[in-house]
C-alpha atoms as a PDB file:
ATOM      1  CA  UNK A   1     101.626 -89.101-182.341  1.00  0.00           C
ATOM      2  CA  UNK A   2      98.028 -88.975-181.155  1.00  0.00           C
ATOM      3  CA  UNK A   3      97.858 -87.898-177.492  1.00  0.00           C
ATOM      4  CA  UNK A   4      95.473 -90.733-176.721  1.00  0.00           C
ATOM      5  CA  UNK A   5      98.326 -93.247-177.100  1.00  0.00           C
ATOM      6  CA  UNK A   6     100.045 -91.607-174.153  1.00  0.00           C
ATOM      7  CA  UNK A   7      96.897 -91.877-172.040  1.00  0.00           C
ATOM      8  CA  UNK A   8      96.460 -95.505-173.011  1.00  0.00           C
ATOM      9  CA  UNK A   9     100.085 -96.239-172.143  1.00  0.00           C
ATOM     10  CA  UNK A  10      99.592 -94.643-168.743  1.00  0.00           C
ATOM     11  CA  UNK A  11      96.563 -96.777-168.089  1.00  0.00           C
ATOM     12  CA  UNK A  12      98.282 -99.905-169.341  1.00  0.00           C
ATOM     13  CA  UNK A  13     101.337 -99.550-167.127  1.00  0.00           C
ATOM     14  CA  UNK A  14     100.182 -97.536-164.113  1.00  0.00           C
ATOM     15  CA  UNK A  15      99.821 -99.429-160.870  1.00  0.00           C
ATOM     16  CA  UNK A  16     101.994-102.484-161.345  1.00  0.00           C
ATOM     17  CA  UNK A  17     102.551-102.334-165.105  1.00  0.00           C
ATOM     18  CA  UNK A  18      99.336-102.787-166.995  1.00  0.00           C
ATOM     19  CA  UNK A  19      95.719-103.153-166.078  1.00  0.00           C
ATOM     20  CA  UNK A  20      94.396-104.949-169.174  1.00  0.00           C
ATOM     21  CA  UNK A  21      92.081-107.805-168.305  1.00  0.00           C
ATOM     22  CA  UNK A  22      93.876-111.090-168.647  1.00  0.00           C
ATOM     23  CA  UNK A  23      92.460-113.010-171.567  1.00  0.00           C
ATOM     24  CA  UNK A  24      92.732-116.761-171.156  1.00  0.00           C
ATOM     25  CA  UNK A  25      94.463-118.218-174.163  1.00  0.00           C
ATOM     26  CA  UNK A  26      93.141-121.359-175.749  1.00  0.00           C
ATOM     27  CA  UNK A  27      94.209-124.417-173.799  1.00  0.00           C
ATOM     28  CA  UNK A  28      97.603-125.582-174.858  1.00  0.00           C
ATOM     29  CA  UNK A  29      99.627-128.488-173.700  1.00  0.00           C
ATOM     30  CA  UNK A  30     102.392-126.116-172.599  1.00  0.00           C
ATOM     31  CA  UNK A  31     100.056-124.027-170.387  1.00  0.00           C
ATOM     32  CA  UNK A  32     100.282-124.636-166.665  1.00  0.00           C
ATOM     33  CA  UNK A  33      99.863-122.950-163.294  1.00  0.00           C
ATOM     34  CA  UNK A  34     102.981-120.989-162.365  1.00  0.00           C
ATOM     35  CA  UNK A  35     101.793-119.199-159.216  1.00  0.00           C
ATOM     36  CA  UNK A  36      99.157-119.457-156.506  1.00  0.00           C
ATOM     37  CA  UNK A  37      97.949-116.197-154.958  1.00  0.00           C
ATOM     38  CA  UNK A  38      95.606-117.026-152.068  1.00  0.00           C
ATOM     39  CA  UNK A  39      92.618-118.631-153.828  1.00  0.00           C
ATOM     40  CA  UNK A  40      93.648-117.424-157.274  1.00  0.00           C
ATOM     41  CA  UNK A  41      96.135-118.723-159.834  1.00  0.00           C
ATOM     42  CA  UNK A  42      98.408-117.326-162.534  1.00  0.00           C
ATOM     43  CA  UNK A  43      99.059-119.365-165.655  1.00  0.00           C
ATOM     44  CA  UNK A  44     101.990-119.502-168.015  1.00  0.00           C
ATOM     45  CA  UNK A  45      99.819-118.212-170.853  1.00  0.00           C
ATOM     46  CA  UNK A  46      98.965-115.111-168.805  1.00  0.00           C
ATOM     47  CA  UNK A  47     102.642-114.458-168.202  1.00  0.00           C
ATOM     48  CA  UNK A  48     103.454-114.944-171.890  1.00  0.00           C
ATOM     49  CA  UNK A  49     100.709-112.493-172.834  1.00  0.00           C
ATOM     50  CA  UNK A  50     102.020-109.888-170.398  1.00  0.00           C
ATOM     51  CA  UNK A  51     105.582-110.304-171.673  1.00  0.00           C
ATOM     52  CA  UNK A  52     104.354-109.837-175.251  1.00  0.00           C
ATOM     53  CA  UNK A  53     102.527-106.647-174.225  1.00  0.00           C
ATOM     54  CA  UNK A  54     105.686-105.335-172.584  1.00  0.00           C
ATOM     55  CA  UNK A  55     107.796-106.211-175.636  1.00  0.00           C
ATOM     56  CA  UNK A  56     105.361-104.359-177.915  1.00  0.00           C
ATOM     57  CA  UNK A  57     105.371-101.322-175.613  1.00  0.00           C
ATOM     58  CA  UNK A  58     109.165-101.337-175.487  1.00  0.00           C
ATOM     59  CA  UNK A  59     109.356-101.130-179.270  1.00  0.00           C
ATOM     60  CA  UNK A  60     107.196 -97.984-179.212  1.00  0.00           C
ATOM     61  CA  UNK A  61     108.986 -96.336-176.283  1.00  0.00           C
ATOM     62  CA  UNK A  62     112.598 -95.167-176.861  1.00  0.00           C
ATOM     63  CA  UNK A  63     113.325 -95.126-173.127  1.00  0.00           C
ATOM     64  CA  UNK A  64     112.231 -98.743-172.726  1.00  0.00           C
ATOM     65  CA  UNK A  65     114.121 -99.760-175.881  1.00  0.00           C
ATOM     66  CA  UNK A  66     117.353 -98.535-174.333  1.00  0.00           C
ATOM     67  CA  UNK A  67     116.970-100.832-171.328  1.00  0.00           C
ATOM     68  CA  UNK A  68     119.152-103.887-171.759  1.00  0.00           C
ATOM     69  CA  UNK A  69     117.034-106.307-169.766  1.00  0.00           C
ATOM     70  CA  UNK A  70     117.350-110.010-170.375  1.00  0.00           C
ATOM     71  CA  UNK A  71     114.198-111.898-171.301  1.00  0.00           C
ATOM     72  CA  UNK A  72     114.411-113.856-168.073  1.00  0.00           C
ATOM     73  CA  UNK A  73     114.540-110.678-165.980  1.00  0.00           C
ATOM     74  CA  UNK A  74     111.565-109.274-167.870  1.00  0.00           C
ATOM     75  CA  UNK A  75     109.595-112.475-167.256  1.00  0.00           C
ATOM     76  CA  UNK A  76     110.428-112.368-163.536  1.00  0.00           C
ATOM     77  CA  UNK A  77     109.339-108.726-163.293  1.00  0.00           C
ATOM     78  CA  UNK A  78     106.130-109.402-165.197  1.00  0.00           C
ATOM     79  CA  UNK A  79     105.307-112.382-162.968  1.00  0.00           C
ATOM     80  CA  UNK A  80     105.940-110.248-159.902  1.00  0.00           C
ATOM     81  CA  UNK A  81     103.638-107.571-161.345  1.00  0.00           C
ATOM     82  CA  UNK A  82     100.905-110.163-161.984  1.00  0.00           C
ATOM     83  CA  UNK A  83     101.155-111.383-158.395  1.00  0.00           C
ATOM     84  CA  UNK A  84     100.878-107.827-157.111  1.00  0.00           C
ATOM     85  CA  UNK A  85      97.874-107.248-159.352  1.00  0.00           C
ATOM     86  CA  UNK A  86      96.132-110.306-157.997  1.00  0.00           C
ATOM     87  CA  UNK A  87      96.803-109.230-154.414  1.00  0.00           C
ATOM     88  CA  UNK A  88      95.548-105.681-154.933  1.00  0.00           C
ATOM     89  CA  UNK A  89      92.481-106.894-156.837  1.00  0.00           C
ATOM     90  CA  UNK A  90      91.678-109.280-153.993  1.00  0.00           C
ATOM     91  CA  UNK A  91      92.138-106.444-151.503  1.00  0.00           C
ATOM     92  CA  UNK A  92      89.803-104.212-153.524  1.00  0.00           C
ATOM     93  CA  UNK A  93      87.171-106.971-153.413  1.00  0.00           C
ATOM     94  CA  UNK A  94      87.729-107.583-149.679  1.00  0.00           C
ATOM     95  CA  UNK A  95      87.308-103.903-148.858  1.00  0.00           C
ATOM     96  CA  UNK A  96      84.291-103.687-151.197  1.00  0.00           C
ATOM     97  CA  UNK A  97      85.741-100.769-153.107  1.00  0.00           C
ATOM     98  CA  UNK A  98      83.471 -99.841-156.006  1.00  0.00           C
ATOM     99  CA  UNK A  99      83.462 -97.245-158.773  1.00  0.00           C
ATOM    100  CA  UNK A 100      80.216 -95.867-160.159  1.00  0.00           C
ATOM    101  CA  UNK A 101      79.537 -95.799-163.903  1.00  0.00           C
ATOM    102  CA  UNK A 102      79.185 -92.028-163.675  1.00  0.00           C
ATOM    103  CA  UNK A 103      82.786 -91.765-162.441  1.00  0.00           C
ATOM    104  CA  UNK A 104      83.992 -93.751-165.446  1.00  0.00           C
ATOM    105  CA  UNK A 105      81.850 -91.590-167.746  1.00  0.00           C
ATOM    106  CA  UNK A 106      83.407 -88.474-166.254  1.00  0.00           C
ATOM    107  CA  UNK A 107      86.954 -89.686-167.008  1.00  0.00           C
ATOM    108  CA  UNK A 108      86.071 -90.597-170.586  1.00  0.00           C
ATOM    109  CA  UNK A 109      84.360 -87.245-171.087  1.00  0.00           C
ATOM    110  CA  UNK A 110      87.445 -85.468-169.779  1.00  0.00           C
ATOM    111  CA  UNK A 111      89.689 -87.429-172.155  1.00  0.00           C
ATOM    112  CA  UNK A 112      87.427 -86.558-175.092  1.00  0.00           C
ATOM    113  CA  UNK A 113      87.425 -82.853-174.246  1.00  0.00           C
ATOM    114  CA  UNK A 114      91.196 -82.676-173.739  1.00  0.00           C
ATOM    115  CA  UNK A 115      91.723 -84.193-177.185  1.00  0.00           C
ATOM    116  CA  UNK A 116      88.830 -82.432-178.953  1.00  0.00           C
ATOM    117  CA  UNK A 117      87.244 -85.757-179.863  1.00  0.00           C
ATOM    118  CA  UNK A 118      83.648 -86.834-180.133  1.00  0.00           C
ATOM    119  CA  UNK A 119      82.562 -90.127-178.579  1.00  0.00           C
ATOM    120  CA  UNK A 120      82.464 -91.658-182.071  1.00  0.00           C
ATOM    121  CA  UNK A 121      85.975 -90.447-182.905  1.00  0.00           C
ATOM    122  CA  UNK A 122      87.269 -91.783-179.592  1.00  0.00           C
ATOM    123  CA  UNK A 123      85.776 -95.211-180.193  1.00  0.00           C
ATOM    124  CA  UNK A 124      87.174 -95.221-183.738  1.00  0.00           C
ATOM    125  CA  UNK A 125      90.651 -94.576-182.395  1.00  0.00           C
ATOM    126  CA  UNK A 126      90.256 -97.390-179.882  1.00  0.00           C
ATOM    127  CA  UNK A 127      89.322 -99.755-182.698  1.00  0.00           C
ATOM    128  CA  UNK A 128      92.559 -98.794-184.475  1.00  0.00           C
ATOM    129  CA  UNK A 129      94.402 -99.692-181.287  1.00  0.00           C
ATOM    130  CA  UNK A 130      92.576-103.011-181.112  1.00  0.00           C
ATOM    131  CA  UNK A 131      90.626-102.022-177.980  1.00  0.00           C
ATOM    132  CA  UNK A 132      86.868-101.851-177.519  1.00  0.00           C
ATOM    133  CA  UNK A 133      85.253 -99.021-175.596  1.00  0.00           C
ATOM    134  CA  UNK A 134      84.100-101.525-172.974  1.00  0.00           C
ATOM    135  CA  UNK A 135      87.657-102.767-172.450  1.00  0.00           C
ATOM    136  CA  UNK A 136      88.781 -99.181-172.053  1.00  0.00           C
ATOM    137  CA  UNK A 137      86.008 -98.536-169.535  1.00  0.00           C
ATOM    138  CA  UNK A 138      87.190-101.535-167.540  1.00  0.00           C
ATOM    139  CA  UNK A 139      90.748-100.208-167.583  1.00  0.00           C
ATOM    140  CA  UNK A 140      89.530 -96.862-166.240  1.00  0.00           C
ATOM    141  CA  UNK A 141      87.399 -98.587-163.610  1.00  0.00           C
ATOM    142  CA  UNK A 142      90.361-100.621-162.376  1.00  0.00           C
ATOM    143  CA  UNK A 143      92.557 -97.537-162.280  1.00  0.00           C
ATOM    144  CA  UNK A 144      89.974 -95.661-160.208  1.00  0.00           C
ATOM    145  CA  UNK A 145      89.624 -98.646-157.892  1.00  0.00           C
ATOM    146  CA  UNK A 146      93.390 -98.724-157.468  1.00  0.00           C
ATOM    147  CA  UNK A 147      93.324 -95.001-156.657  1.00  0.00           C
ATOM    148  CA  UNK A 148      90.736 -95.586-153.944  1.00  0.00           C
ATOM    149  CA  UNK A 149      92.742 -98.471-152.515  1.00  0.00           C
ATOM    150  CA  UNK A 150      95.957 -96.455-152.426  1.00  0.00           C
ATOM    151  CA  UNK A 151      94.106 -93.474-150.943  1.00  0.00           C
ATOM    152  CA  UNK A 152      92.750 -95.644-148.153  1.00  0.00           C
ATOM    153  CA  UNK A 153      95.814 -97.760-147.406  1.00  0.00           C
ATOM    154  CA  UNK A 154      98.718 -95.472-148.314  1.00  0.00           C
ATOM    155  CA  UNK A 155      97.960 -91.806-149.012  1.00  0.00           C
ATOM    156  CA  UNK A 156      95.920 -91.346-145.849  1.00  0.00           C
ATOM    157  CA  UNK A 157      98.928 -92.557-143.851  1.00  0.00           C
ATOM    158  CA  UNK A 158     101.585 -90.554-145.710  1.00  0.00           C
ATOM    159  CA  UNK A 159     102.717 -87.462-143.849  1.00  0.00           C
ATOM    160  CA  UNK A 160     105.448 -84.942-144.653  1.00  0.00           C
ATOM    161  CA  UNK A 161     106.152 -82.647-141.725  1.00  0.00           C
ATOM    162  CA  UNK A 162     107.419 -79.087-141.778  1.00  0.00           C
ATOM    163  CA  UNK A 163     110.569 -80.329-140.065  1.00  0.00           C
ATOM    164  CA  UNK A 164     111.289 -82.670-142.979  1.00  0.00           C
ATOM    165  CA  UNK A 165     110.798 -79.851-145.490  1.00  0.00           C
ATOM    166  CA  UNK A 166     113.163 -77.567-143.598  1.00  0.00           C
ATOM    167  CA  UNK A 167     115.734 -80.361-143.160  1.00  0.00           C
ATOM    168  CA  UNK A 168     115.698 -81.037-146.902  1.00  0.00           C
ATOM    169  CA  UNK A 169     116.175 -77.346-147.649  1.00  0.00           C
ATOM    170  CA  UNK A 170     119.136 -77.048-145.283  1.00  0.00           C
ATOM    171  CA  UNK A 171     120.815 -80.213-146.580  1.00  0.00           C
ATOM    172  CA  UNK A 172     120.336 -79.294-150.255  1.00  0.00           C
ATOM    173  CA  UNK A 173     121.242 -75.612-150.167  1.00  0.00           C
ATOM    174  CA  UNK A 174     123.257 -75.985-153.359  1.00  0.00           C
ATOM    175  CA  UNK A 175     119.959 -76.413-155.223  1.00  0.00           C
ATOM    176  CA  UNK A 176     118.759 -73.021-154.025  1.00  0.00           C
ATOM    177  CA  UNK A 177     121.956 -70.989-153.836  1.00  0.00           C
ATOM    178  CA  UNK A 178     122.568 -67.711-155.620  1.00  0.00           C
ATOM    179  CA  UNK A 179     123.533 -67.936-159.279  1.00  0.00           C
ATOM    180  CA  UNK A 180     125.979 -65.695-161.084  1.00  0.00           C
ATOM    181  CA  UNK A 181     126.237 -64.800-164.706  1.00  0.00           C
ATOM    182  CA  UNK A 182     128.929 -62.767-166.398  1.00  0.00           C
ATOM    183  CA  UNK A 183     128.805 -60.333-169.285  1.00  0.00           C
ATOM    184  CA  UNK A 184     131.920 -60.858-171.358  1.00  0.00           C
ATOM    185  CA  UNK A 185     134.018 -59.224-174.032  1.00  0.00           C
ATOM    186  CA  UNK A 186     136.331 -61.410-176.071  1.00  0.00           C
ATOM    187  CA  UNK A 187     139.356 -60.855-178.274  1.00  0.00           C
ATOM    188  CA  UNK A 188     139.706 -63.970-180.408  1.00  0.00           C
ATOM    189  CA  UNK A 189     142.813 -64.678-182.467  1.00  0.00           C
ATOM    190  CA  UNK A 190     142.138 -67.818-184.520  1.00  0.00           C
ATOM    191  CA  UNK A 191     144.826 -70.242-185.589  1.00  0.00           C
ATOM    192  CA  UNK A 192     145.400 -70.621-189.316  1.00  0.00           C
ATOM    193  CA  UNK A 193     144.441 -74.167-190.292  1.00  0.00           C
ATOM    194  CA  UNK A 194     147.632 -74.530-192.353  1.00  0.00           C
ATOM    195  CA  UNK A 195     149.776 -72.139-190.332  1.00  0.00           C
ATOM    196  CA  UNK A 196     153.294 -73.044-189.303  1.00  0.00           C
ATOM    197  CA  UNK A 197     154.762 -73.118-185.806  1.00  0.00           C
ATOM    198  CA  UNK A 198     156.300 -69.740-186.546  1.00  0.00           C
ATOM    199  CA  UNK A 199     152.840 -68.360-187.392  1.00  0.00           C
ATOM    200  CA  UNK A 200     151.469 -69.610-184.072  1.00  0.00           C
ATOM    201  CA  UNK A 201     154.421 -68.124-182.218  1.00  0.00           C
ATOM    202  CA  UNK A 202     153.746 -64.735-183.830  1.00  0.00           C
ATOM    203  CA  UNK A 203     150.060 -65.044-182.836  1.00  0.00           C
ATOM    204  CA  UNK A 204     151.022 -65.796-179.228  1.00  0.00           C
ATOM    205  CA  UNK A 205     153.314 -62.785-179.290  1.00  0.00           C
ATOM    206  CA  UNK A 206     150.460 -60.601-180.551  1.00  0.00           C
ATOM    207  CA  UNK A 207     148.199 -61.910-177.824  1.00  0.00           C
ATOM    208  CA  UNK A 208     150.753 -61.054-175.159  1.00  0.00           C
ATOM    209  CA  UNK A 209     151.208 -57.584-176.604  1.00  0.00           C
ATOM    210  CA  UNK A 210     147.449 -57.024-176.336  1.00  0.00           C
ATOM    211  CA  UNK A 211     147.477 -58.175-172.701  1.00  0.00           C
ATOM    212  CA  UNK A 212     150.383 -55.840-171.976  1.00  0.00           C
ATOM    213  CA  UNK A 213     148.500 -52.903-173.479  1.00  0.00           C
ATOM    214  CA  UNK A 214     145.409 -53.774-171.430  1.00  0.00           C
ATOM    215  CA  UNK A 215     147.508 -53.776-168.270  1.00  0.00           C
ATOM    216  CA  UNK A 216     148.732 -50.329-169.242  1.00  0.00           C
ATOM    217  CA  UNK A 217     145.138 -49.080-169.357  1.00  0.00           C
ATOM    218  CA  UNK A 218     144.180 -49.534-173.025  1.00  0.00           C
ATOM    219  CA  UNK A 219     140.483 -49.817-173.809  1.00  0.00           C
ATOM    220  CA  UNK A 220     139.433 -53.455-174.273  1.00  0.00           C
ATOM    221  CA  UNK A 221     136.617 -52.651-176.696  1.00  0.00           C
ATOM    222  CA  UNK A 222     138.885 -50.676-178.983  1.00  0.00           C
ATOM    223  CA  UNK A 223     141.475 -53.464-179.046  1.00  0.00           C
ATOM    224  CA  UNK A 224     138.746 -55.996-179.759  1.00  0.00           C
ATOM    225  CA  UNK A 225     137.484 -53.946-182.702  1.00  0.00           C
ATOM    226  CA  UNK A 226     141.028 -53.796-184.084  1.00  0.00           C
ATOM    227  CA  UNK A 227     142.350 -57.308-183.457  1.00  0.00           C
ATOM    228  CA  UNK A 228     139.517 -59.753-182.701  1.00  0.00           C
ATOM    229  CA  UNK A 229     138.315 -62.159-185.379  1.00  0.00           C
ATOM    230  CA  UNK A 230     135.509 -63.556-183.276  1.00  0.00           C
ATOM    231  CA  UNK A 231     131.791 -62.869-182.664  1.00  0.00           C
ATOM    232  CA  UNK A 232     130.859 -59.343-181.647  1.00  0.00           C
ATOM    233  CA  UNK A 233     134.190 -57.845-182.762  1.00  0.00           C
ATOM    234  CA  UNK A 234     132.478 -54.805-184.262  1.00  0.00           C
ATOM    235  CA  UNK A 235     130.737 -54.233-180.918  1.00  0.00           C
ATOM    236  CA  UNK A 236     134.011 -54.317-179.024  1.00  0.00           C
ATOM    237  CA  UNK A 237     133.964 -58.085-178.570  1.00  0.00           C
ATOM    238  CA  UNK A 238     130.733 -58.046-176.526  1.00  0.00           C
ATOM    239  CA  UNK A 239     129.371 -61.589-176.156  1.00  0.00           C
ATOM    240  CA  UNK A 240     126.486 -60.898-173.783  1.00  0.00           C
ATOM    241  CA  UNK A 241     125.756 -62.773-170.553  1.00  0.00           C
ATOM    242  CA  UNK A 242     126.809 -66.329-169.704  1.00  0.00           C
ATOM    243  CA  UNK A 243     125.947 -68.519-166.738  1.00  0.00           C
ATOM    244  CA  UNK A 244     128.024 -71.293-165.278  1.00  0.00           C
ATOM    245  CA  UNK A 245     128.164 -74.266-167.616  1.00  0.00           C
ATOM    246  CA  UNK A 246     127.412 -72.295-170.778  1.00  0.00           C
ATOM    247  CA  UNK A 247     131.034 -71.571-171.704  1.00  0.00           C
ATOM    248  CA  UNK A 248     133.792 -73.836-172.953  1.00  0.00           C
ATOM    249  CA  UNK A 249     135.306 -75.356-169.765  1.00  0.00           C
ATOM    250  CA  UNK A 250     138.739 -73.924-170.595  1.00  0.00           C
ATOM    251  CA  UNK A 251     137.336 -70.409-170.881  1.00  0.00           C
ATOM    252  CA  UNK A 252     135.119 -70.787-167.829  1.00  0.00           C
ATOM    253  CA  UNK A 253     138.057 -71.903-165.703  1.00  0.00           C
ATOM    254  CA  UNK A 254     140.111 -68.921-166.885  1.00  0.00           C
ATOM    255  CA  UNK A 255     137.478 -66.356-165.853  1.00  0.00           C
ATOM    256  CA  UNK A 256     136.186 -68.105-162.717  1.00  0.00           C
ATOM    257  CA  UNK A 257     137.944 -65.719-160.321  1.00  0.00           C
ATOM    258  CA  UNK A 258     137.757 -62.539-162.388  1.00  0.00           C
ATOM    259  CA  UNK A 259     135.933 -59.540-160.993  1.00  0.00           C
ATOM    260  CA  UNK A 260     134.039 -56.889-162.915  1.00  0.00           C
ATOM    261  CA  UNK A 261     136.443 -54.975-165.166  1.00  0.00           C
ATOM    262  CA  UNK A 262     139.241 -57.562-164.988  1.00  0.00           C
ATOM    263  CA  UNK A 263     140.559 -59.521-167.935  1.00  0.00           C
ATOM    264  CA  UNK A 264     142.188 -62.897-168.403  1.00  0.00           C
ATOM    265  CA  UNK A 265     145.685 -63.689-169.634  1.00  0.00           C
ATOM    266  CA  UNK A 266     146.051 -65.236-173.088  1.00  0.00           C
ATOM    267  CA  UNK A 267     143.941 -68.414-173.146  1.00  0.00           C
ATOM    268  CA  UNK A 268     145.177 -71.144-175.480  1.00  0.00           C
ATOM    269  CA  UNK A 269     142.388 -73.275-176.994  1.00  0.00           C
ATOM    270  CA  UNK A 270     142.183 -75.727-179.851  1.00  0.00           C
ATOM    271  CA  UNK A 271     140.747 -73.144-182.254  1.00  0.00           C
ATOM    272  CA  UNK A 272     142.857 -70.150-181.261  1.00  0.00           C
ATOM    273  CA  UNK A 273     143.681 -67.639-178.548  1.00  0.00           C
ATOM    274  CA  UNK A 274     141.198 -65.789-176.346  1.00  0.00           C
ATOM    275  CA  UNK A 275     141.532 -62.792-174.084  1.00  0.00           C
ATOM    276  CA  UNK A 276     138.337 -62.281-172.093  1.00  0.00           C
ATOM    277  CA  UNK A 277     137.149 -59.359-170.006  1.00  0.00           C
ATOM    278  CA  UNK A 278     134.316 -59.482-167.466  1.00  0.00           C
ATOM    279  CA  UNK A 279     132.317 -56.287-167.949  1.00  0.00           C
ATOM    280  CA  UNK A 280     129.432 -57.040-165.588  1.00  0.00           C
ATOM    281  CA  UNK A 281     128.379 -59.606-162.997  1.00  0.00           C
ATOM    282  CA  UNK A 282     124.746 -60.321-162.140  1.00  0.00           C
ATOM    283  CA  UNK A 283     123.900 -62.303-159.031  1.00  0.00           C
ATOM    284  CA  UNK A 284     120.541 -63.949-158.543  1.00  0.00           C
ATOM    285  CA  UNK A 285     119.722 -64.103-154.836  1.00  0.00           C
ATOM    286  CA  UNK A 286     119.260 -67.523-153.242  1.00  0.00           C
ATOM    287  CA  UNK A 287     115.707 -68.826-153.208  1.00  0.00           C
ATOM    288  CA  UNK A 288     114.193 -68.550-149.721  1.00  0.00           C
ATOM    289  CA  UNK A 289     112.477 -71.530-148.163  1.00  0.00           C
ATOM    290  CA  UNK A 290     109.050 -69.944-148.621  1.00  0.00           C
ATOM    291  CA  UNK A 291     109.587 -69.784-152.369  1.00  0.00           C
ATOM    292  CA  UNK A 292     110.508 -73.459-152.741  1.00  0.00           C
ATOM    293  CA  UNK A 293     108.482 -74.956-149.895  1.00  0.00           C
ATOM    294  CA  UNK A 294     105.729 -76.319-152.176  1.00  0.00           C
ATOM    295  CA  UNK A 295     108.136 -78.003-154.598  1.00  0.00           C
ATOM    296  CA  UNK A 296     110.131 -79.560-151.740  1.00  0.00           C
ATOM    297  CA  UNK A 297     106.918 -80.803-150.140  1.00  0.00           C
ATOM    298  CA  UNK A 298     105.775 -82.358-153.440  1.00  0.00           C
ATOM    299  CA  UNK A 299     109.100 -84.118-153.936  1.00  0.00           C
ATOM    300  CA  UNK A 300     109.192 -85.462-150.382  1.00  0.00           C
ATOM    301  CA  UNK A 301     105.531 -86.489-150.473  1.00  0.00           C
ATOM    302  CA  UNK A 302     105.982 -88.491-153.668  1.00  0.00           C
ATOM    303  CA  UNK A 303     109.104 -90.144-152.290  1.00  0.00           C
ATOM    304  CA  UNK A 304     107.324 -91.012-149.040  1.00  0.00           C
ATOM    305  CA  UNK A 305     104.258 -92.222-150.941  1.00  0.00           C
ATOM    306  CA  UNK A 306     106.366 -94.568-153.078  1.00  0.00           C
ATOM    307  CA  UNK A 307     108.073 -95.906-149.963  1.00  0.00           C
ATOM    308  CA  UNK A 308     104.793 -96.408-148.097  1.00  0.00           C
ATOM    309  CA  UNK A 309     103.253 -98.147-151.101  1.00  0.00           C
ATOM    310  CA  UNK A 310     106.154-100.597-151.382  1.00  0.00           C
ATOM    311  CA  UNK A 311     106.009-101.149-147.633  1.00  0.00           C
ATOM    312  CA  UNK A 312     102.269-101.788-147.760  1.00  0.00           C
ATOM    313  CA  UNK A 313     102.599-104.134-150.717  1.00  0.00           C
ATOM    314  CA  UNK A 314     105.348-106.085-148.958  1.00  0.00           C
ATOM    315  CA  UNK A 315     103.150-106.400-145.882  1.00  0.00           C
ATOM    316  CA  UNK A 316     100.223-107.553-148.022  1.00  0.00           C
ATOM    317  CA  UNK A 317     102.365-110.265-149.612  1.00  0.00           C
ATOM    318  CA  UNK A 318     103.685-111.402-146.246  1.00  0.00           C
ATOM    319  CA  UNK A 319     100.201-111.998-144.873  1.00  0.00           C
ATOM    320  CA  UNK A 320      99.004-113.699-148.065  1.00  0.00           C
ATOM    321  CA  UNK A 321      99.582-117.146-149.466  1.00  0.00           C
ATOM    322  CA  UNK A 322     101.868-116.771-152.479  1.00  0.00           C
ATOM    323  CA  UNK A 323     103.545-119.799-154.019  1.00  0.00           C
ATOM    324  CA  UNK A 324     105.531-119.575-157.256  1.00  0.00           C
ATOM    325  CA  UNK A 325     106.191-122.676-159.361  1.00  0.00           C
ATOM    326  CA  UNK A 326     108.090-121.107-162.230  1.00  0.00           C
END
């Protein structure tokens, strides 16, 4: 898939789901005003157009396709997005926020370079998408205006303190704790697919004999070479290193408390019997705060930014005249 589609999708749905200029449909008897936003209006045809855009995008996006939203919920969300768009556009005009042509040119140039496209090739791709270069320029302009608005009203007032970073680290220590991984040897005695109960009993007896010999000091690797029918048997049953979550849960539970050099009892699984020895344990030290400070700050900043933006948008709606007749 051409990378430009991803950039277009971002522009279409960033900042309140879609920044395409609303195109007034031809007058129809069914068209009517469904919302008043200060001195502006939203019509039913605009809402229908936005819902159609969302439906088309959902068909192309597997994550959106999996969302089981009813049509009515989608329409409500799209109407809410249109109202928010009107409010932010009015605020951009009130604050006299402007974007120079050179800033738009710079974004387009960057897109062309990132995708190794000439201006002509870029415009040709837009035509395939049913978009003119001027429409795309307007989308970029609106995005940049939105960025300036958010920078002025939200980002400049979003603060993440050192205390918040440290508090997050202390309350989420499990994310940064030391990790262990075990190097294992395995003696695997598989069940015969058509074996009888007597055959399984003999296999269990063999497994117990092996465990008994190990407890008497026999070498695990030698027993694995002789009896194991699993991976790494020729290398003494060596399986390499495993971290938590990489083993079958039954096996992982059986070795959870084993120390270096210890072995498990006979482990009964669906496919056969296992006897596992831990030959080495590697421990990764916990990540200090200094190592993860930047990532924690970024996570908290984005969370705070989202909250501040919703708070600002709610405040903007409360001090505006919004009337829905839908």
